[in-house]
């Protein structure tokens, strides 16, 4: 999984106040998607393409701040303020912030296609240990007859706030499509496991 090479982009997302105080940009609340399948189809999001280099975001904090300014200027309402779904690619990635329904003409405001099925998993660790959770997640999805697609990393803590939030956490959101072939394989495996010896 390429996501294991990425640094936490929120780690340096802070600002100085009164010369000393530092505030991170992590969300205070986030969706309860752990071990759940959620359809985000037709959900409103603020979506913006970002540059990446071999799955590493470039100028992540700059785009994060631009999104925050755009949300304020367009008077948009985030479902979970500060919560960002980040997809990484070789040269391009995408940042999405779930919004309340909006008819805003903003060019980055869009509605996700329907269906847009994701499975969530809350990883109790930082990006350096995420490979194990990703592997478990993918095996379970294939076993359920689902074809894993793109992965979204949702940082809910950073080194500046993880202690008060019970340790580092990353919410993994993996989009999936139903696969008739995988479903048949899963059914055959289940039948073999249930057959008497």
Protein backbone atom coordinates (compact mmCIF):
# COMPACT_ATOMS: atom_id res chain seq x y z
CA UNK A 1 0.00 0.00 0.00
CA UNK A 2 1.46 3.34 -1.03
CA UNK A 3 -0.24 5.20 1.80
CA UNK A 4 2.33 3.89 4.27
CA UNK A 5 4.95 6.30 2.93
CA UNK A 6 2.94 9.45 3.60
CA UNK A 7 3.67 11.82 6.45
CA UNK A 8 0.84 13.31 8.49
CA UNK A 9 0.09 16.55 6.63
CA UNK A 10 -1.60 18.00 9.71
CA UNK A 11 1.60 17.75 11.73
CA UNK A 12 2.76 21.21 10.67
CA UNK A 13 -0.70 22.69 10.23
CA UNK A 14 -0.63 25.21 13.07
CA UNK A 15 -0.42 28.90 13.66
CA UNK A 16 1.28 31.03 16.28
CA UNK A 17 -0.94 33.11 18.53
CA UNK A 18 0.53 35.58 20.98
CA UNK A 19 3.92 34.37 19.78
CA UNK A 20 3.79 31.03 21.64
CA UNK A 21 0.46 29.22 21.47
CA UNK A 22 0.08 26.72 18.60
CA UNK A 23 -3.23 25.35 17.35
CA UNK A 24 -3.49 22.33 15.07
CA UNK A 25 -6.07 21.95 12.33
CA UNK A 26 -7.48 18.55 13.35
CA UNK A 27 -11.27 18.11 13.60
CA UNK A 28 -12.88 18.16 17.03
CA UNK A 29 -15.41 15.56 15.85
CA UNK A 30 -15.45 13.07 13.00
CA UNK A 31 -17.94 10.56 11.54
CA UNK A 32 -18.54 7.18 13.15
CA UNK A 33 -17.58 5.08 10.12
CA UNK A 34 -15.49 2.45 11.92
CA UNK A 35 -16.25 -1.03 10.49
CA UNK A 36 -19.26 0.35 8.64
CA UNK A 37 -20.29 0.57 4.99
CA UNK A 38 -21.52 4.07 4.18
CA UNK A 39 -23.05 5.41 0.96
CA UNK A 40 -21.82 8.96 0.37
CA UNK A 41 -23.61 9.11 -2.96
CA UNK A 42 -25.19 12.50 -3.67
CA UNK A 43 -23.44 14.02 -0.66
CA UNK A 44 -22.24 17.60 -1.01
CA UNK A 45 -18.48 18.12 -0.71
CA UNK A 46 -15.86 20.79 -1.23
CA UNK A 47 -13.49 18.96 -3.55
CA UNK A 48 -10.15 20.22 -4.79
CA UNK A 49 -7.32 18.62 -6.73
CA UNK A 50 -3.88 18.88 -5.12
CA UNK A 51 -0.38 18.20 -6.47
CA UNK A 52 1.43 15.10 -5.21
CA UNK A 53 4.74 13.45 -5.92
CA UNK A 54 4.78 9.67 -5.59
CA UNK A 55 1.77 9.78 -3.25
CA UNK A 56 3.25 12.57 -1.13
CA UNK A 57 1.19 15.79 -0.93
CA UNK A 58 2.83 19.04 -2.00
CA UNK A 59 1.86 22.28 -0.22
CA UNK A 60 -0.88 20.43 1.66
CA UNK A 61 -1.23 23.10 4.34
CA UNK A 62 -1.60 25.80 1.69
CA UNK A 63 -4.53 24.00 0.06
CA UNK A 64 -6.03 23.23 3.45
CA UNK A 65 -6.03 26.93 4.33
CA UNK A 66 -7.40 27.84 0.89
CA UNK A 67 -10.31 25.48 1.47
CA UNK A 68 -10.99 27.00 4.89
CA UNK A 69 -11.03 30.50 3.37
CA UNK A 70 -13.32 29.36 0.56
CA UNK A 71 -15.73 27.82 3.07
CA UNK A 72 -15.88 31.11 4.97
CA UNK A 73 -16.25 33.24 1.84
CA UNK A 74 -19.06 31.08 0.43
CA UNK A 75 -20.70 30.72 3.86
CA UNK A 76 -20.66 26.93 3.59
CA UNK A 77 -21.30 24.61 6.54
CA UNK A 78 -19.04 21.62 7.13
CA UNK A 79 -20.59 18.47 8.57
CA UNK A 80 -17.48 17.93 10.69
CA UNK A 81 -15.40 21.12 10.69
CA UNK A 82 -11.80 20.40 9.78
CA UNK A 83 -12.50 16.82 8.66
CA UNK A 84 -10.77 16.15 5.34
CA UNK A 85 -10.79 13.04 3.16
CA UNK A 86 -7.48 12.94 1.29
CA UNK A 87 -6.77 10.75 -1.73
CA UNK A 88 -3.16 10.46 -2.88
CA UNK A 89 -1.93 9.61 -6.38
CA UNK A 90 1.35 9.51 -8.21
CA UNK A 91 1.14 13.14 -9.40
CA UNK A 92 -2.32 14.35 -8.36
CA UNK A 93 -4.47 13.87 -5.32
CA UNK A 94 -7.74 15.22 -3.98
CA UNK A 95 -8.99 16.83 -0.77
CA UNK A 96 -12.69 16.56 0.07
CA UNK A 97 -14.59 18.14 2.94
CA UNK A 98 -18.16 16.88 3.53
CA UNK A 99 -20.64 19.76 3.58
CA UNK A 100 -24.25 20.27 4.44
CA UNK A 101 -26.38 20.45 1.28
CA UNK A 102 -25.67 23.64 -0.61
CA UNK A 103 -26.70 25.33 -3.84
CA UNK A 104 -23.52 27.38 -3.83
CA UNK A 105 -22.11 28.29 -7.26
CA UNK A 106 -18.57 27.73 -5.95
CA UNK A 107 -16.51 25.88 -8.53
CA UNK A 108 -15.18 23.42 -5.95
CA UNK A 109 -18.61 22.56 -4.55
CA UNK A 110 -19.96 19.34 -6.02
CA UNK A 111 -22.09 16.30 -5.27
CA UNK A 112 -20.56 12.84 -5.22
CA UNK A 113 -21.81 10.28 -7.77
CA UNK A 114 -24.39 7.77 -6.65
CA UNK A 115 -23.61 5.25 -5.34
CA UNK A 116 -20.36 6.15 -3.60
CA UNK A 117 -19.86 3.29 -1.18
CA UNK A 118 -17.04 3.40 1.35
CA UNK A 119 -15.98 1.19 4.22
CA UNK A 120 -14.43 2.87 7.22
CA UNK A 121 -11.82 1.65 9.67
CA UNK A 122 -10.40 3.66 12.55
CA UNK A 123 -6.69 2.94 12.76
CA UNK A 124 -5.31 3.36 16.31
CA UNK A 125 -1.88 4.60 15.31
CA UNK A 126 0.03 6.87 12.99
CA UNK A 127 0.75 6.48 9.28
CA UNK A 128 3.86 4.43 9.99
CA UNK A 129 1.73 1.54 11.30
CA UNK A 130 -1.25 1.88 8.98
CA UNK A 131 -0.19 -0.97 6.68
CA UNK A 132 -1.54 -3.63 9.03
CA UNK A 133 -5.00 -2.07 9.25
CA UNK A 134 -5.10 -1.58 5.47
CA UNK A 135 -4.26 -5.23 4.89
CA UNK A 136 -6.93 -6.43 7.33
CA UNK A 137 -9.45 -4.07 5.77
CA UNK A 138 -8.76 -5.23 2.22
CA UNK A 139 -8.90 -8.94 3.12
CA UNK A 140 -12.26 -8.45 4.82
CA UNK A 141 -13.66 -6.52 1.86
CA UNK A 142 -12.57 -9.15 -0.67
CA UNK A 143 -14.00 -11.83 1.61
CA UNK A 144 -17.31 -9.95 1.53
CA UNK A 145 -17.27 -9.95 -2.28
CA UNK A 146 -16.31 -6.29 -2.62
CA UNK A 147 -13.73 -4.83 -5.01
CA UNK A 148 -11.59 -2.21 -3.18
CA UNK A 149 -11.01 1.03 -5.08
CA UNK A 150 -9.33 4.28 -4.03
CA UNK A 151 -8.32 4.95 -0.45
CA UNK A 152 -8.98 8.14 1.49
CA UNK A 153 -6.92 8.98 4.57
CA UNK A 154 -8.69 11.09 7.17
CA UNK A 155 -6.34 12.40 9.85
CA UNK A 156 -8.25 13.00 13.08
CA UNK A 157 -5.20 13.65 15.27
CA UNK A 158 -1.68 15.01 14.91
CA UNK A 159 1.34 15.03 17.28
CA UNK A 160 0.06 18.27 18.82
CA UNK A 161 -3.33 16.91 19.92
CA UNK A 162 -3.06 13.11 19.97
CA UNK A 163 -2.25 12.88 23.68
CA UNK A 164 -5.47 14.57 24.78
CA UNK A 165 -7.43 12.50 22.24
CA UNK A 166 -6.18 9.14 23.46
CA UNK A 167 -3.33 8.62 21.03
CA UNK A 168 -2.82 8.91 17.27
CA UNK A 169 -5.78 7.98 15.04
CA UNK A 170 -6.42 7.87 11.31
CA UNK A 171 -9.82 7.10 9.85
CA UNK A 172 -9.40 4.99 6.71
CA UNK A 173 -12.16 5.25 4.10
CA UNK A 174 -11.95 2.80 1.18
CA UNK A 175 -14.36 3.14 -1.71
CA UNK A 176 -15.65 -0.14 -3.08
CA UNK A 177 -17.71 -1.67 -5.86
CA UNK A 178 -19.70 -4.87 -5.75
CA UNK A 179 -18.06 -7.72 -7.67
CA UNK A 180 -20.12 -10.69 -8.81
CA UNK A 181 -16.93 -12.72 -9.29
CA UNK A 182 -15.68 -12.03 -5.77
CA UNK A 183 -19.13 -12.73 -4.35
CA UNK A 184 -19.17 -16.15 -6.06
CA UNK A 185 -15.72 -16.92 -4.67
CA UNK A 186 -16.81 -15.85 -1.20
CA UNK A 187 -19.95 -17.99 -1.42
CA UNK A 188 -17.93 -21.05 -2.52
CA UNK A 189 -15.47 -20.55 0.32
CA UNK A 190 -18.30 -20.23 2.80
CA UNK A 191 -19.93 -23.40 1.46
CA UNK A 192 -16.66 -25.33 1.85
CA UNK A 193 -16.25 -24.09 5.40
CA UNK A 194 -19.79 -25.14 6.27
CA UNK A 195 -19.65 -28.58 4.64
CA UNK A 196 -19.27 -31.57 7.00
CA UNK A 197 -15.83 -33.15 7.12
